[in-house]
Amino acid sequence: EVQLQASGGGLVQAGGFLRLSCAASGFSFSFDDYAIGWFRQAPGKEREGVSCISDADGRPYYADSVKGRFTISSDHAKNTVYLQMNSLKPEDTAVYFCAAHGIVSPMTTARVMGAMSPADFDSWGQGTLVTVSS
């Protein structure tokens, strides 16, 4: 079982930046076996996919709303995935979660990552709150 710990949220002014971290642990965790995604949920809204990354697919995916502003990356030595968030906007305000998807096949992983549906991700960390003031 994979355990995920998200951190790095906070209060920032519009135009500012934050870096979120998602530390993965567990006896069998490996980036070869899991895709990691970032999701967010604003008050009164459904949880939505923001970005995800997988060694099996080889490229990062981003929601249209964050393309060009957010960058996902991974540090294999630390089993950590980062989400660098630049040019933050008030509409980015949400609780951010990281989650893991167990890789079945490269084709399935590509579909899952392209869709970034929370239902496809099995293990979830606790959220970290990001508040962007105008």
N, C-alpha and C. Protein backbone atom coordinates (compact mmCIF):
# COMPACT_ATOMS: atom_id res chain seq x y z
N GLU A 1 0.84 -1.19 0.00
CA GLU A 1 0.00 0.00 0.00
C GLU A 1 0.87 1.24 0.00
N VAL A 2 0.46 2.23 -0.78
CA VAL A 2 1.21 3.48 -0.90
C VAL A 2 0.63 4.52 0.05
N GLN A 3 1.50 5.18 0.77
CA GLN A 3 1.07 6.32 1.59
C GLN A 3 1.62 7.60 0.97
N LEU A 4 0.79 8.62 0.93
CA LEU A 4 1.17 9.89 0.32
C LEU A 4 1.00 11.01 1.33
N GLN A 5 1.95 11.92 1.34
CA GLN A 5 1.93 13.07 2.25
C GLN A 5 2.13 14.34 1.44
N ALA A 6 1.10 15.15 1.35
CA ALA A 6 1.19 16.41 0.61
C ALA A 6 1.52 17.55 1.57
N SER A 7 2.30 18.49 1.08
CA SER A 7 2.65 19.66 1.90
C SER A 7 2.99 20.83 0.99
N GLY A 8 3.14 22.00 1.60
CA GLY A 8 3.60 23.16 0.85
C GLY A 8 2.54 24.22 0.58
N GLY A 9 1.32 23.96 0.97
CA GLY A 9 0.28 24.95 0.75
C GLY A 9 0.47 26.18 1.61
N GLY A 10 -0.30 27.21 1.32
CA GLY A 10 -0.21 28.43 2.10
C GLY A 10 -1.01 29.55 1.47
N LEU A 11 -0.80 30.74 1.99
CA LEU A 11 -1.48 31.95 1.50
C LEU A 11 -0.49 32.74 0.66
N VAL A 12 -0.91 33.10 -0.53
CA VAL A 12 -0.03 33.85 -1.43
C VAL A 12 -0.87 34.86 -2.20
N GLN A 13 -0.25 35.95 -2.59
CA GLN A 13 -0.95 36.95 -3.39
C GLN A 13 -1.02 36.52 -4.85
N ALA A 14 -2.00 37.02 -5.55
CA ALA A 14 -2.11 36.74 -6.97
C ALA A 14 -0.82 37.13 -7.68
N GLY A 15 -0.39 36.28 -8.60
CA GLY A 15 0.88 36.49 -9.29
C GLY A 15 2.04 35.82 -8.61
N GLY A 16 1.84 35.35 -7.40
CA GLY A 16 2.90 34.70 -6.64
C GLY A 16 3.07 33.24 -7.01
N PHE A 17 3.88 32.53 -6.20
CA PHE A 17 4.16 31.14 -6.50
C PHE A 17 4.23 30.33 -5.22
N LEU A 18 4.02 29.04 -5.39
CA LEU A 18 4.17 28.06 -4.33
C LEU A 18 4.70 26.77 -4.95
N ARG A 19 5.34 25.95 -4.14
CA ARG A 19 5.73 24.62 -4.57
C ARG A 19 5.15 23.59 -3.61
N LEU A 20 4.33 22.73 -4.15
CA LEU A 20 3.76 21.65 -3.36
C LEU A 20 4.63 20.41 -3.48
N SER A 21 4.67 19.63 -2.41
CA SER A 21 5.42 18.38 -2.40
C SER A 21 4.49 17.24 -2.05
N CYS A 22 4.74 16.09 -2.67
CA CYS A 22 3.99 14.88 -2.37
C CYS A 22 5.02 13.77 -2.14
N ALA A 23 5.18 13.40 -0.88
CA ALA A 23 6.14 12.35 -0.53
C ALA A 23 5.43 11.00 -0.48
N ALA A 24 5.96 10.06 -1.22
CA ALA A 24 5.37 8.72 -1.28
C ALA A 24 6.19 7.74 -0.46
N SER A 25 5.50 6.86 0.22
CA SER A 25 6.19 5.84 1.01
C SER A 25 5.38 4.56 0.97
N GLY A 26 5.97 3.53 1.49
CA GLY A 26 5.32 2.23 1.46
C GLY A 26 6.32 1.19 1.03
N PHE A 27 6.10 -0.02 1.44
CA PHE A 27 7.07 -1.08 1.22
C PHE A 27 7.40 -1.26 -0.24
N SER A 28 6.38 -1.17 -1.10
CA SER A 28 6.60 -1.53 -2.49
C SER A 28 6.58 -0.35 -3.45
N PHE A 29 6.66 0.89 -2.92
CA PHE A 29 6.51 2.03 -3.82
C PHE A 29 7.69 2.14 -4.77
N SER A 30 7.34 2.39 -6.04
CA SER A 30 8.33 2.67 -7.06
C SER A 30 7.65 3.49 -8.15
N PHE A 31 8.36 4.43 -8.71
CA PHE A 31 7.82 5.21 -9.82
C PHE A 31 7.59 4.34 -11.05
N ASP A 32 8.20 3.16 -11.09
CA ASP A 32 7.92 2.22 -12.18
C ASP A 32 6.51 1.67 -12.10
N ASP A 33 5.94 1.68 -10.91
CA ASP A 33 4.65 1.01 -10.68
C ASP A 33 3.48 1.96 -10.46
N TYR A 34 3.77 3.24 -10.27
CA TYR A 34 2.69 4.17 -9.94
C TYR A 34 2.81 5.47 -10.74
N ALA A 35 1.67 5.96 -11.17
CA ALA A 35 1.57 7.33 -11.67
C ALA A 35 1.09 8.18 -10.49
N ILE A 36 1.58 9.39 -10.42
CA ILE A 36 1.19 10.30 -9.35
C ILE A 36 0.47 11.51 -9.94
N GLY A 37 -0.65 11.84 -9.37
CA GLY A 37 -1.42 12.98 -9.86
C GLY A 37 -1.68 14.00 -8.77
N TRP A 38 -1.82 15.23 -9.19
CA TRP A 38 -2.26 16.31 -8.31
C TRP A 38 -3.69 16.68 -8.68
N PHE A 39 -4.50 16.85 -7.67
CA PHE A 39 -5.90 17.22 -7.85
C PHE A 39 -6.20 18.39 -6.92
N ARG A 40 -7.28 19.07 -7.19
CA ARG A 40 -7.69 20.14 -6.29
C ARG A 40 -9.20 20.19 -6.17
N GLN A 41 -9.64 20.71 -5.05
CA GLN A 41 -11.07 20.85 -4.81
C GLN A 41 -11.33 22.18 -4.15
N ALA A 42 -12.04 23.04 -4.87
CA ALA A 42 -12.43 24.33 -4.35
C ALA A 42 -13.75 24.19 -3.61
N PRO A 43 -14.06 25.10 -2.71
CA PRO A 43 -15.32 25.01 -1.96
C PRO A 43 -16.53 24.96 -2.90
N GLY A 44 -17.39 23.99 -2.67
CA GLY A 44 -18.59 23.87 -3.47
C GLY A 44 -18.40 23.29 -4.85
N LYS A 45 -17.17 22.86 -5.16
CA LYS A 45 -16.90 22.32 -6.49
C LYS A 45 -16.41 20.89 -6.39
N GLU A 46 -16.47 20.18 -7.51
CA GLU A 46 -15.97 18.82 -7.55
C GLU A 46 -14.44 18.82 -7.62
N ARG A 47 -13.89 17.71 -7.18
CA ARG A 47 -12.44 17.54 -7.27
C ARG A 47 -12.05 17.41 -8.74
N GLU A 48 -10.97 18.08 -9.13
CA GLU A 48 -10.56 18.06 -10.53
C GLU A 48 -9.07 17.76 -10.64
N GLY A 49 -8.70 17.15 -11.75
CA GLY A 49 -7.30 16.86 -12.00
C GLY A 49 -6.55 18.11 -12.40
N VAL A 50 -5.33 18.23 -11.90
CA VAL A 50 -4.48 19.38 -12.20
C VAL A 50 -3.30 18.96 -13.07
N SER A 51 -2.60 17.92 -12.63
CA SER A 51 -1.42 17.47 -13.35
C SER A 51 -1.06 16.07 -12.89
N CYS A 52 -0.40 15.31 -13.76
CA CYS A 52 0.06 13.99 -13.35
C CYS A 52 1.31 13.61 -14.12
N ILE A 53 2.01 12.64 -13.57
CA ILE A 53 3.29 12.24 -14.13
C ILE A 53 3.49 10.76 -13.90
N SER A 54 4.15 10.12 -14.87
CA SER A 54 4.41 8.69 -14.77
C SER A 54 5.64 8.33 -15.57
N ASP A 55 6.49 7.49 -15.02
CA ASP A 55 7.63 6.99 -15.78
C ASP A 55 7.16 6.13 -16.95
N ALA A 56 6.04 5.45 -16.77
CA ALA A 56 5.54 4.56 -17.82
C ALA A 56 5.13 5.33 -19.07
N ASP A 57 4.61 6.53 -18.90
CA ASP A 57 4.15 7.31 -20.04
C ASP A 57 5.21 8.25 -20.57
N GLY A 58 6.01 8.78 -19.69
CA GLY A 58 7.16 9.57 -20.11
C GLY A 58 6.93 11.04 -20.31
N ARG A 59 5.69 11.53 -20.14
CA ARG A 59 5.49 12.96 -20.27
C ARG A 59 4.44 13.41 -19.26
N PRO A 60 4.53 14.66 -18.83
CA PRO A 60 3.55 15.16 -17.86
C PRO A 60 2.26 15.59 -18.54
N TYR A 61 1.19 15.57 -17.80
CA TYR A 61 -0.10 16.03 -18.28
C TYR A 61 -0.56 17.19 -17.40
N TYR A 62 -1.25 18.14 -18.02
CA TYR A 62 -1.75 19.31 -17.29
C TYR A 62 -3.19 19.62 -17.70
N ALA A 63 -3.95 20.09 -16.74
CA ALA A 63 -5.26 20.64 -17.07
C ALA A 63 -5.05 21.93 -17.85
N ASP A 64 -5.97 22.24 -18.74
CA ASP A 64 -5.84 23.45 -19.56
C ASP A 64 -5.72 24.71 -18.69
N SER A 65 -6.37 24.70 -17.57
CA SER A 65 -6.40 25.89 -16.72
C SER A 65 -5.05 26.22 -16.08
N VAL A 66 -4.12 25.26 -16.07
CA VAL A 66 -2.83 25.49 -15.42
C VAL A 66 -1.65 25.38 -16.39
N LYS A 67 -1.90 25.03 -17.63
CA LYS A 67 -0.81 24.90 -18.60
C LYS A 67 -0.04 26.21 -18.72
N GLY A 68 1.28 26.09 -18.72
CA GLY A 68 2.12 27.26 -18.83
C GLY A 68 2.41 27.93 -17.51
N ARG A 69 1.68 27.54 -16.46
CA ARG A 69 1.90 28.14 -15.13
C ARG A 69 2.39 27.13 -14.11
N PHE A 70 1.94 25.90 -14.21
CA PHE A 70 2.31 24.85 -13.26
C PHE A 70 3.27 23.87 -13.94
N THR A 71 4.18 23.34 -13.14
CA THR A 71 5.12 22.34 -13.63
C THR A 71 5.20 21.21 -12.63
N ILE A 72 5.01 19.98 -13.10
CA ILE A 72 5.13 18.80 -12.24
C ILE A 72 6.48 18.16 -12.49
N SER A 73 7.08 17.65 -11.42
CA SER A 73 8.37 16.98 -11.56
C SER A 73 8.49 15.93 -10.46
N SER A 74 9.46 15.05 -10.61
CA SER A 74 9.65 14.00 -9.61
C SER A 74 11.12 13.87 -9.24
N ASP A 75 11.35 13.52 -8.00
CA ASP A 75 12.69 13.23 -7.50
C ASP A 75 12.68 11.78 -7.04
N HIS A 76 13.27 10.91 -7.86
CA HIS A 76 13.20 9.49 -7.55
C HIS A 76 13.96 9.14 -6.28
N ALA A 77 15.02 9.82 -6.02
CA ALA A 77 15.81 9.53 -4.82
C ALA A 77 15.02 9.81 -3.55
N LYS A 78 14.13 10.78 -3.63
CA LYS A 78 13.34 11.16 -2.45
C LYS A 78 11.91 10.62 -2.52
N ASN A 79 11.57 9.91 -3.59
CA ASN A 79 10.20 9.43 -3.77
C ASN A 79 9.19 10.56 -3.60
N THR A 80 9.49 11.67 -4.21
CA THR A 80 8.68 12.87 -4.04
C THR A 80 8.31 13.46 -5.40
N VAL A 81 7.07 13.89 -5.50
CA VAL A 81 6.60 14.60 -6.69
C VAL A 81 6.29 16.03 -6.29
N TYR A 82 6.73 16.96 -7.12
CA TYR A 82 6.54 18.38 -6.83
C TYR A 82 5.56 18.99 -7.83
N LEU A 83 4.88 20.01 -7.38
CA LEU A 83 4.05 20.82 -8.27
C LEU A 83 4.45 22.27 -8.06
N GLN A 84 5.20 22.79 -9.01
CA GLN A 84 5.60 24.19 -8.97
C GLN A 84 4.47 25.02 -9.57
N MET A 85 3.94 25.93 -8.79
CA MET A 85 2.80 26.72 -9.23
C MET A 85 3.22 28.19 -9.31
N ASN A 86 3.27 28.72 -10.51
CA ASN A 86 3.65 30.11 -10.74
C ASN A 86 2.45 30.90 -11.23
N SER A 87 2.57 32.21 -11.19
CA SER A 87 1.51 33.11 -11.68
C SER A 87 0.15 32.70 -11.13
N LEU A 88 0.11 32.49 -9.84
CA LEU A 88 -1.12 32.01 -9.22
C LEU A 88 -2.25 33.03 -9.33
N LYS A 89 -3.44 32.49 -9.47
CA LYS A 89 -4.64 33.31 -9.61
C LYS A 89 -5.61 32.98 -8.46
N PRO A 90 -6.50 33.89 -8.14
CA PRO A 90 -7.48 33.59 -7.08
C PRO A 90 -8.26 32.31 -7.37
N GLU A 91 -8.52 32.02 -8.62
CA GLU A 91 -9.28 30.81 -8.96
C GLU A 91 -8.48 29.53 -8.75
N ASP A 92 -7.20 29.64 -8.42
CA ASP A 92 -6.41 28.46 -8.06
C ASP A 92 -6.62 28.08 -6.59
N THR A 93 -7.32 28.90 -5.86
CA THR A 93 -7.58 28.61 -4.45
C THR A 93 -8.36 27.31 -4.30
N ALA A 94 -7.82 26.39 -3.52
CA ALA A 94 -8.43 25.07 -3.35
C ALA A 94 -7.59 24.27 -2.37
N VAL A 95 -8.14 23.15 -1.95
CA VAL A 95 -7.35 22.14 -1.26
C VAL A 95 -6.73 21.24 -2.33
N TYR A 96 -5.44 21.08 -2.28
CA TYR A 96 -4.72 20.29 -3.27
C TYR A 96 -4.37 18.92 -2.66
N PHE A 97 -4.63 17.88 -3.44
CA PHE A 97 -4.36 16.52 -3.04
C PHE A 97 -3.42 15.86 -4.03
N CYS A 98 -2.62 14.92 -3.54
CA CYS A 98 -1.90 14.07 -4.46
C CYS A 98 -2.44 12.64 -4.31
N ALA A 99 -2.35 11.89 -5.38
CA ALA A 99 -2.90 10.55 -5.40
C ALA A 99 -2.08 9.67 -6.33
N ALA A 100 -2.18 8.37 -6.10
CA ALA A 100 -1.41 7.41 -6.88
C ALA A 100 -2.33 6.48 -7.66
N HIS A 101 -1.89 6.16 -8.86
CA HIS A 101 -2.59 5.19 -9.71
C HIS A 101 -1.64 4.03 -9.97
N GLY A 102 -2.05 2.84 -9.61
CA GLY A 102 -1.23 1.68 -9.85
C GLY A 102 -1.21 1.34 -11.34
N ILE A 103 -0.02 1.26 -11.90
CA ILE A 103 0.11 1.06 -13.34
C ILE A 103 -0.21 -0.37 -13.73
N VAL A 104 -1.11 -0.51 -14.68
CA VAL A 104 -1.47 -1.82 -15.22
C VAL A 104 -0.74 -2.06 -16.53
N SER A 105 -0.79 -1.07 -17.40
CA SER A 105 -0.11 -1.16 -18.69
C SER A 105 0.16 0.26 -19.18
N PRO A 106 1.13 0.45 -20.06
CA PRO A 106 1.39 1.81 -20.58
C PRO A 106 0.16 2.42 -21.26
N MET A 107 -0.61 1.61 -21.97
CA MET A 107 -1.78 2.14 -22.67
C MET A 107 -2.83 2.61 -21.66
N THR A 108 -3.07 1.82 -20.63
CA THR A 108 -4.03 2.21 -19.61
C THR A 108 -3.55 3.46 -18.88
N THR A 109 -2.27 3.52 -18.59
CA THR A 109 -1.72 4.66 -17.89
C THR A 109 -1.89 5.93 -18.71
N ALA A 110 -1.66 5.86 -20.01
CA ALA A 110 -1.83 7.04 -20.86
C ALA A 110 -3.28 7.51 -20.83
N ARG A 111 -4.21 6.56 -20.85
CA ARG A 111 -5.63 6.95 -20.79
C ARG A 111 -5.95 7.60 -19.46
N VAL A 112 -5.49 6.99 -18.39
CA VAL A 112 -5.75 7.52 -17.06
C VAL A 112 -5.17 8.92 -16.89
N MET A 113 -3.96 9.08 -17.35
CA MET A 113 -3.31 10.37 -17.18
C MET A 113 -3.97 11.43 -18.06
N GLY A 114 -4.38 11.06 -19.24
CA GLY A 114 -5.06 12.02 -20.10
C GLY A 114 -6.39 12.47 -19.53
N ALA A 115 -7.08 11.56 -18.90
CA ALA A 115 -8.39 11.88 -18.32
C ALA A 115 -8.27 12.59 -16.97
N MET A 116 -7.28 12.23 -16.20
CA MET A 116 -7.08 12.78 -14.85
C MET A 116 -8.38 12.77 -14.05
N SER A 117 -9.02 11.62 -14.04
CA SER A 117 -10.23 11.47 -13.25
C SER A 117 -9.87 10.96 -11.86
N PRO A 118 -10.38 11.60 -10.82
CA PRO A 118 -10.09 11.12 -9.46
C PRO A 118 -10.46 9.66 -9.25
N ALA A 119 -11.47 9.20 -9.96
CA ALA A 119 -11.94 7.82 -9.79
C ALA A 119 -10.89 6.79 -10.19
N ASP A 120 -9.94 7.17 -11.00
CA ASP A 120 -8.91 6.23 -11.47
C ASP A 120 -7.72 6.13 -10.52
N PHE A 121 -7.70 6.96 -9.50
CA PHE A 121 -6.57 6.99 -8.58
C PHE A 121 -6.97 6.35 -7.26
N ASP A 122 -6.10 5.45 -6.78
CA ASP A 122 -6.46 4.58 -5.69
C ASP A 122 -6.06 5.07 -4.30
N SER A 123 -4.89 5.62 -4.20
CA SER A 123 -4.35 6.01 -2.89
C SER A 123 -4.27 7.52 -2.83
N TRP A 124 -4.77 8.07 -1.75
CA TRP A 124 -4.84 9.53 -1.62
C TRP A 124 -4.13 9.99 -0.36
N GLY A 125 -3.46 11.11 -0.49
CA GLY A 125 -2.89 11.76 0.69
C GLY A 125 -3.88 12.76 1.25
N GLN A 126 -3.54 13.34 2.39
CA GLN A 126 -4.39 14.40 2.92
C GLN A 126 -4.14 15.66 2.08
N GLY A 127 -5.03 16.58 2.10
CA GLY A 127 -4.89 17.76 1.27
C GLY A 127 -4.04 18.84 1.92
N THR A 128 -3.61 19.77 1.10
CA THR A 128 -2.91 20.96 1.59
C THR A 128 -3.60 22.17 0.97
N LEU A 129 -3.91 23.15 1.80
CA LEU A 129 -4.72 24.29 1.36
C LEU A 129 -3.86 25.35 0.70
N VAL A 130 -4.29 25.76 -0.48
CA VAL A 130 -3.67 26.87 -1.20
C VAL A 130 -4.69 27.99 -1.30
N THR A 131 -4.33 29.16 -0.80
CA THR A 131 -5.22 30.31 -0.87
C THR A 131 -4.50 31.43 -1.60
N VAL A 132 -5.12 31.91 -2.68
CA VAL A 132 -4.53 32.99 -3.47
C VAL A 132 -5.41 34.22 -3.31
N SER A 133 -4.85 35.26 -2.76
CA SER A 133 -5.61 36.48 -2.54
C SER A 133 -5.45 37.42 -3.72
N SER A 134 -6.50 38.19 -3.97
CA SER A 134 -6.48 39.11 -5.11
C SER A 134 -5.92 40.46 -4.71
